[in-house]
Amino acid sequence: MTDMSVIAVLALDGTPAHHLTTPGLVFGTASRHRGVAYEVRLCAAPGFRATGGPGPALAVRPPHGLEGLADADTVLVPGYAGHRAGPPEAVVTALRAAAERGGRLAAVGTGTFVLAAAGLLDGRRATTSWRYVEELAELHPRIDVDATGTVVEDGPFRTAAGVFGGMDVCLSLLAGDHGRQVAGETSRELITPLHADADSVQEAIDREVTESAGLEPTLRWLQARLHLPLTLPEIAAHARTSVSSVTRRFRAHTGLSPLQYLLRARLYEAMRLLRETDTPVEQVAAATGFTSPAALRRHFRALTGTTPRDYRRAHRPPRPSA
């Protein structure tokens, strides 16, 4: 790798906005605080018009087109709305060229379908968002689809699912470049609350990510239902076990009870929404399953030592002046 590693993020029409901002957040944080050097390059695919996914569509004008992929060390393909229709042929050609010259390729969620359409994952292991794993396996039978993987690495290819979306694959790439310590420290900068006694929180995050493989289907199910008033018996029923057994399994793999884990997942999702969107705090509370904004504020302060509004001010990039 060169001293300045180039990460080209491919913007396909309907890509969720947070998939485009997360690489800059991760690699920018590493560059500012860990003494490493990255350029994150946003590149528009043919036909790109606006972002999609949760939240309002944003009309974004990436500074590069597909030519921005030509000398990139890594090409990152986010999820997007049109994965069933397939990517433009020019995208397939550009990705194959990146693979042929020895570049790394990574995909998040339905972005895996783009690499699959280019034939780059044939004979390899890969994953995608949990709700699409069966579709990926059916459409691309030559891929060994890992239904429980959070980040799957096979040669120069990384594909990601899991509760933290693109952050997982970006941290995985960072660890491959500069080691697990730099990736861990960057993760701590991004996720750890603002108060000084937060090591135990980061340790809990690390345990959840590295030790929860056997519970992954239930963890994904929970993540998709954070806005619902889930109960312990419902969680046990999804895991196809008793309340006492699912509680033991959660404690063994995450260090938390199921309901404690659910609360943490809701708080982490609230933190993401506060960082990456302009959604009002009241709507963030509803979207993450808290009974009221006051309940969100109470639990948020207990975890982070600050309020949702102060957290947003501290973690949102400054708006450009007019």
Protein backbone atom coordinates (compact mmCIF):
# COMPACT_ATOMS: atom_id res chain seq x y z
CA MET A 1 0.00 0.00 0.00
CA THR A 2 1.07 3.57 -0.60
CA ASP A 3 1.52 6.07 2.21
CA MET A 4 -1.86 7.57 1.32
CA SER A 5 -4.40 4.79 0.88
CA VAL A 6 -7.34 5.64 -1.36
CA ILE A 7 -10.78 4.30 -0.43
CA ALA A 8 -13.22 4.76 -3.32
CA VAL A 9 -16.85 4.62 -2.17
CA LEU A 10 -19.20 3.82 -5.04
CA ALA A 11 -22.50 5.74 -4.87
CA LEU A 12 -25.24 3.80 -6.63
CA ASP A 13 -28.69 5.29 -7.00
CA GLY A 14 -30.65 4.71 -3.82
CA THR A 15 -27.63 4.09 -1.59
CA PRO A 16 -28.54 5.01 2.01
CA ALA A 17 -26.87 8.25 3.02
CA HIS A 18 -25.21 6.73 6.08
CA HIS A 19 -23.48 4.15 3.86
CA LEU A 20 -21.78 7.05 2.09
CA THR A 21 -20.78 8.93 5.24
CA THR A 22 -19.59 6.02 7.40
CA PRO A 23 -16.30 5.40 5.51
CA GLY A 24 -15.34 9.07 5.92
CA LEU A 25 -16.23 8.87 9.60
CA VAL A 26 -14.10 5.77 10.23
CA PHE A 27 -11.06 6.51 8.05
CA GLY A 28 -11.19 10.22 8.82
CA THR A 29 -11.13 9.48 12.53
CA ALA A 30 -8.21 7.10 12.06
CA SER A 31 -6.33 9.68 10.01
CA ARG A 32 -6.89 12.48 12.53
CA HIS A 33 -6.17 10.56 15.71
CA ARG A 34 -4.03 7.51 14.81
CA GLY A 35 -1.40 8.95 12.47
CA VAL A 36 -2.48 6.98 9.39
CA ALA A 37 -3.27 8.47 5.99
CA TYR A 38 -6.43 7.85 3.97
CA GLU A 39 -8.25 9.58 1.17
CA VAL A 40 -11.94 8.70 1.04
CA ARG A 41 -13.16 9.33 -2.48
CA LEU A 42 -16.90 9.46 -3.26
CA CYS A 43 -17.58 8.21 -6.78
CA ALA A 44 -20.94 8.31 -8.57
CA ALA A 45 -22.07 5.32 -10.61
CA PRO A 46 -23.92 5.98 -13.88
CA GLY A 47 -27.54 6.81 -13.10
CA PHE A 48 -26.90 8.04 -9.56
CA ARG A 49 -29.50 10.65 -8.63
CA ALA A 50 -30.03 10.63 -4.88
CA THR A 51 -29.60 8.63 -1.73
CA GLY A 52 -32.30 6.30 -0.44
CA GLY A 53 -32.97 4.08 2.55
CA PRO A 54 -34.15 5.40 5.91
CA GLY A 55 -34.65 9.12 6.12
CA PRO A 56 -35.23 11.63 3.33
CA ALA A 57 -33.54 11.23 -0.04
CA LEU A 58 -30.57 13.56 -0.46
CA ALA A 59 -29.41 14.93 -3.80
CA VAL A 60 -25.64 14.43 -3.52
CA ARG A 61 -23.08 15.42 -6.13
CA PRO A 62 -20.06 13.15 -5.75
CA PRO A 63 -16.87 14.80 -7.03
CA HIS A 64 -15.80 11.70 -8.98
CA GLY A 65 -17.32 9.26 -11.44
CA LEU A 66 -16.15 5.72 -12.15
CA GLU A 67 -12.72 7.08 -13.10
CA GLY A 68 -12.18 7.57 -9.36
CA LEU A 69 -11.97 3.80 -8.96
CA ALA A 70 -9.05 3.46 -11.37
CA ASP A 71 -6.21 3.98 -8.88
CA ALA A 72 -8.02 3.23 -5.62
CA ASP A 73 -6.45 0.79 -3.18
CA THR A 74 -9.91 -0.28 -2.02
CA VAL A 75 -13.32 -0.02 -3.66
CA LEU A 76 -16.25 -0.06 -1.23
CA VAL A 77 -19.72 -0.83 -2.59
CA PRO A 78 -22.53 0.20 -0.23
CA GLY A 79 -26.03 -1.20 -0.26
CA TYR A 80 -28.55 0.30 -2.66
CA ALA A 81 -32.19 0.12 -3.64
CA GLY A 82 -31.84 -1.47 -7.10
CA HIS A 83 -29.93 -4.63 -6.31
CA ARG A 84 -32.53 -6.85 -8.01
CA ALA A 85 -32.15 -5.02 -11.32
CA GLY A 86 -28.37 -5.32 -11.24
CA PRO A 87 -25.66 -2.68 -11.62
CA PRO A 88 -24.88 -0.78 -14.82
CA GLU A 89 -22.47 -2.61 -17.10
CA ALA A 90 -19.91 0.16 -16.67
CA VAL A 91 -19.86 -0.56 -12.94
CA VAL A 92 -19.24 -4.26 -13.57
CA THR A 93 -16.36 -3.40 -15.90
CA ALA A 94 -14.79 -0.99 -13.40
CA LEU A 95 -15.03 -3.49 -10.53
CA ARG A 96 -13.52 -6.29 -12.58
CA ALA A 97 -10.66 -3.97 -13.53
CA ALA A 98 -10.08 -3.12 -9.86
CA ALA A 99 -9.94 -6.82 -8.99
CA GLU A 100 -7.61 -7.62 -11.88
CA ARG A 101 -5.06 -5.02 -10.81
CA GLY A 102 -5.02 -6.46 -7.28
CA GLY A 103 -7.19 -3.94 -5.44
CA ARG A 104 -9.35 -4.82 -2.47
CA LEU A 105 -13.11 -4.82 -2.88
CA ALA A 106 -15.62 -4.58 -0.08
CA ALA A 107 -19.41 -4.50 0.01
CA VAL A 108 -22.00 -3.67 2.62
CA GLY A 109 -25.47 -5.21 2.71
CA THR A 110 -27.03 -5.40 -0.75
CA GLY A 111 -23.79 -4.06 -2.22
CA THR A 112 -22.72 -7.71 -2.16
CA PHE A 113 -25.12 -8.28 -5.07
CA VAL A 114 -23.01 -5.87 -7.16
CA LEU A 115 -19.82 -7.88 -6.63
CA ALA A 116 -21.81 -11.04 -7.26
CA ALA A 117 -23.21 -9.69 -10.53
CA ALA A 118 -19.64 -9.00 -11.66
CA GLY A 119 -18.79 -12.66 -11.01
CA LEU A 120 -16.14 -11.69 -8.47
CA LEU A 121 -17.50 -13.79 -5.60
CA ASP A 122 -17.93 -17.10 -7.44
CA GLY A 123 -16.36 -19.86 -5.39
CA ARG A 124 -15.91 -17.55 -2.39
CA ARG A 125 -17.62 -16.98 0.94
CA ALA A 126 -19.70 -13.83 1.29
CA THR A 127 -22.54 -12.36 3.29
CA THR A 128 -25.22 -9.70 2.98
CA SER A 129 -28.02 -8.22 5.07
CA TRP A 130 -29.83 -11.04 6.83
CA ARG A 131 -33.13 -10.51 5.01
CA TYR A 132 -31.41 -11.04 1.64
CA VAL A 133 -29.19 -14.07 2.31
CA GLU A 134 -31.64 -16.54 0.76
CA GLU A 135 -32.06 -14.34 -2.30
CA LEU A 136 -28.29 -14.04 -2.72
CA ALA A 137 -27.88 -17.81 -2.47
CA GLU A 138 -30.67 -18.42 -4.98
CA LEU A 139 -29.47 -15.89 -7.55
CA HIS A 140 -25.78 -16.77 -7.20
CA PRO A 141 -25.48 -20.47 -6.32
CA ARG A 142 -21.68 -20.45 -6.85
CA ILE A 143 -21.24 -18.21 -3.82
CA ASP A 144 -20.87 -19.81 -0.38
CA VAL A 145 -23.33 -17.53 1.41
CA ASP A 146 -22.57 -17.11 5.11
CA ALA A 147 -25.93 -16.44 6.73
CA THR A 148 -24.48 -15.60 10.14
CA GLY A 149 -21.41 -13.57 9.24
CA THR A 150 -20.95 -9.98 10.34
CA VAL A 151 -17.84 -9.40 8.20
CA VAL A 152 -16.67 -12.16 5.87
CA GLU A 153 -13.17 -11.96 4.43
CA ASP A 154 -12.17 -14.14 1.50
CA GLY A 155 -8.95 -13.14 -0.25
CA PRO A 156 -9.13 -9.49 -1.34
CA PHE A 157 -12.90 -9.39 -0.82
CA ARG A 158 -14.80 -8.34 2.30
CA THR A 159 -18.56 -8.41 2.60
CA ALA A 160 -20.46 -7.17 5.60
CA ALA A 161 -23.76 -7.48 7.37
CA GLY A 162 -24.37 -7.11 11.09
CA VAL A 163 -25.79 -4.55 13.44
CA PHE A 164 -23.31 -1.73 12.73
CA GLY A 165 -23.58 -1.83 8.95
CA GLY A 166 -20.65 -0.31 7.05
CA MET A 167 -18.71 0.51 10.19
CA ASP A 168 -17.87 -3.18 10.61
CA VAL A 169 -16.26 -3.55 7.21
CA CYS A 170 -14.41 -0.23 7.47
CA LEU A 171 -12.92 -1.22 10.82
CA SER A 172 -12.00 -4.60 9.33
CA LEU A 173 -10.16 -2.88 6.47
CA LEU A 174 -8.43 -0.58 8.93
CA ALA A 175 -7.33 -3.57 11.02
CA GLY A 176 -5.92 -5.23 7.90
CA ASP A 177 -3.92 -2.11 7.06
CA HIS A 178 -2.67 -1.02 10.48
CA GLY A 179 -3.48 -3.76 12.98
CA ARG A 180 -6.20 -4.50 15.47
CA GLN A 181 -4.95 -1.95 17.98
CA VAL A 182 -5.44 0.99 15.61
CA ALA A 183 -8.85 -0.36 14.58
CA GLY A 184 -9.82 -0.82 18.22
CA GLU A 185 -8.70 2.67 19.18
CA THR A 186 -10.61 4.11 16.23
CA SER A 187 -13.69 2.15 17.23
CA ARG A 188 -13.36 3.58 20.71
CA GLU A 189 -13.19 7.12 19.30
CA LEU A 190 -16.36 6.49 17.30
CA ILE A 191 -18.51 4.51 19.67
CA THR A 192 -17.31 5.06 23.20
CA PRO A 193 -19.29 7.61 25.21
CA LEU A 194 -17.78 10.99 26.01
CA HIS A 195 -17.04 10.43 29.67
CA ALA A 196 -13.68 9.15 30.88
CA ASP A 197 -14.83 5.87 32.47
CA ALA A 198 -15.95 4.22 29.25
CA ASP A 199 -13.53 1.29 28.92
CA SER A 200 -16.13 -1.16 30.22
CA VAL A 201 -18.56 -0.02 27.52
CA GLN A 202 -16.02 -0.65 24.77
CA GLU A 203 -15.23 -4.05 26.26
CA ALA A 204 -18.93 -4.89 26.09
CA ILE A 205 -19.00 -3.83 22.43
CA ASP A 206 -15.96 -5.96 21.68
CA ARG A 207 -17.52 -8.99 23.38
CA GLU A 208 -20.74 -8.56 21.44
CA VAL A 209 -18.96 -8.35 18.11
CA THR A 210 -16.48 -11.19 18.63
CA GLU A 211 -18.37 -13.68 20.79
CA SER A 212 -21.96 -13.61 19.57
CA ALA A 213 -21.76 -15.86 16.50
CA GLY A 214 -24.17 -18.50 17.86
CA LEU A 215 -26.79 -15.85 18.59
CA GLU A 216 -26.35 -13.91 15.34
CA PRO A 217 -29.81 -14.72 13.86
CA THR A 218 -31.52 -13.54 17.02
CA LEU A 219 -29.27 -10.48 17.28
CA ARG A 220 -30.17 -9.53 13.72
CA TRP A 221 -33.85 -10.13 14.45
CA LEU A 222 -33.61 -7.80 17.44
CA GLN A 223 -31.80 -5.14 15.43
CA ALA A 224 -34.60 -5.10 12.85
CA ARG A 225 -37.20 -4.64 15.61
CA LEU A 226 -35.68 -2.04 17.90
CA HIS A 227 -38.76 0.15 17.50
CA LEU A 228 -41.07 -2.56 18.87
CA PRO A 229 -41.89 -3.27 22.56
CA LEU A 230 -40.14 -6.65 22.62
CA THR A 231 -40.44 -8.92 25.64
CA LEU A 232 -38.11 -11.56 27.03
CA PRO A 233 -40.52 -14.42 26.12
CA GLU A 234 -40.64 -13.14 22.52
CA ILE A 235 -36.84 -13.13 22.34
CA ALA A 236 -36.72 -16.66 23.75
CA ALA A 237 -39.34 -17.80 21.24
CA HIS A 238 -37.30 -16.47 18.34
CA ALA A 239 -34.19 -18.23 19.66
CA ARG A 240 -36.31 -21.40 20.00
CA THR A 241 -35.39 -21.93 23.60
CA SER A 242 -36.62 -21.18 27.11
CA VAL A 243 -36.37 -17.84 28.88
CA SER A 244 -33.76 -19.19 31.29
CA SER A 245 -31.72 -20.76 28.47
CA VAL A 246 -31.72 -17.66 26.25
CA THR A 247 -30.70 -15.56 29.25
CA ARG A 248 -27.74 -17.88 29.94
CA ARG A 249 -26.71 -17.79 26.27
CA PHE A 250 -26.85 -14.00 26.11
CA ARG A 251 -24.83 -13.63 29.29
CA ALA A 252 -22.25 -16.16 28.08
CA HIS A 253 -21.80 -14.52 24.68
CA THR A 254 -22.36 -10.81 25.36
CA GLY A 255 -21.98 -10.34 29.11
CA LEU A 256 -25.52 -8.92 29.19
CA SER A 257 -29.04 -10.21 29.68
CA PRO A 258 -31.28 -10.17 26.59
CA LEU A 259 -33.11 -7.03 27.72
CA GLN A 260 -29.84 -5.30 28.64
CA TYR A 261 -28.50 -6.16 25.21
CA LEU A 262 -31.68 -4.82 23.60
CA LEU A 263 -31.29 -1.56 25.52
CA ARG A 264 -27.66 -1.22 24.38
CA ALA A 265 -28.63 -1.93 20.77
CA ARG A 266 -31.33 0.76 20.97
CA LEU A 267 -28.84 3.25 22.38
CA TYR A 268 -26.22 2.46 19.73
CA GLU A 269 -28.82 2.93 17.00
CA ALA A 270 -29.88 6.22 18.59
CA MET A 271 -26.21 7.29 18.60
CA ARG A 272 -25.93 6.45 14.90
CA LEU A 273 -29.07 8.43 14.04
CA LEU A 274 -27.81 11.40 16.04
CA ARG A 275 -24.44 11.31 14.25
CA GLU A 276 -25.68 10.73 10.73
CA THR A 277 -29.13 12.29 10.41
CA ASP A 278 -31.06 15.42 11.35
CA THR A 279 -33.92 13.37 12.78
CA PRO A 280 -35.37 15.19 15.80
CA VAL A 281 -34.60 13.63 19.17
CA GLU A 282 -38.31 12.88 19.70
CA GLN A 283 -38.39 10.83 16.48
CA VAL A 284 -35.09 9.15 17.33
CA ALA A 285 -36.67 7.98 20.59
CA ALA A 286 -39.66 6.49 18.75
CA ALA A 287 -37.52 4.88 16.05
CA THR A 288 -35.37 3.12 18.64
CA GLY A 289 -38.11 1.77 20.87
CA PHE A 290 -38.01 4.18 23.80
CA THR A 291 -41.39 4.94 25.34
CA SER A 292 -40.69 8.69 25.40
CA PRO A 293 -37.91 11.20 24.69
CA ALA A 294 -37.42 11.45 28.46
CA ALA A 295 -36.73 7.71 28.62
CA LEU A 296 -34.17 8.03 25.82
CA ARG A 297 -32.47 10.93 27.59
CA ARG A 298 -32.35 9.06 30.89
CA HIS A 299 -30.79 5.91 29.46
CA PHE A 300 -28.55 7.90 27.10
CA ARG A 301 -27.07 9.89 29.96
CA ALA A 302 -26.57 6.72 32.03
CA LEU A 303 -24.53 5.16 29.19
CA THR A 304 -22.69 8.17 27.82
CA GLY A 305 -22.67 10.80 30.53
CA THR A 306 -24.19 13.34 28.15
CA THR A 307 -27.50 14.22 26.49
CA PRO A 308 -28.60 13.25 22.97
CA ARG A 309 -28.42 16.87 21.80
CA ASP A 310 -24.91 17.39 23.20
CA TYR A 311 -23.78 14.10 21.68
CA ARG A 312 -25.10 15.21 18.28
CA ARG A 313 -23.30 18.56 18.52
CA ALA A 314 -20.04 16.82 19.44
CA HIS A 315 -20.17 14.21 16.66
CA ARG A 316 -21.75 15.93 13.68
CA PRO A 317 -19.28 17.56 11.27
CA PRO A 318 -19.53 21.37 11.09
CA ARG A 319 -21.86 22.64 8.40
CA PRO A 320 -20.15 24.56 5.60
CA SER A 321 -20.65 28.31 5.84
CA ALA A 322 -22.80 29.93 3.18
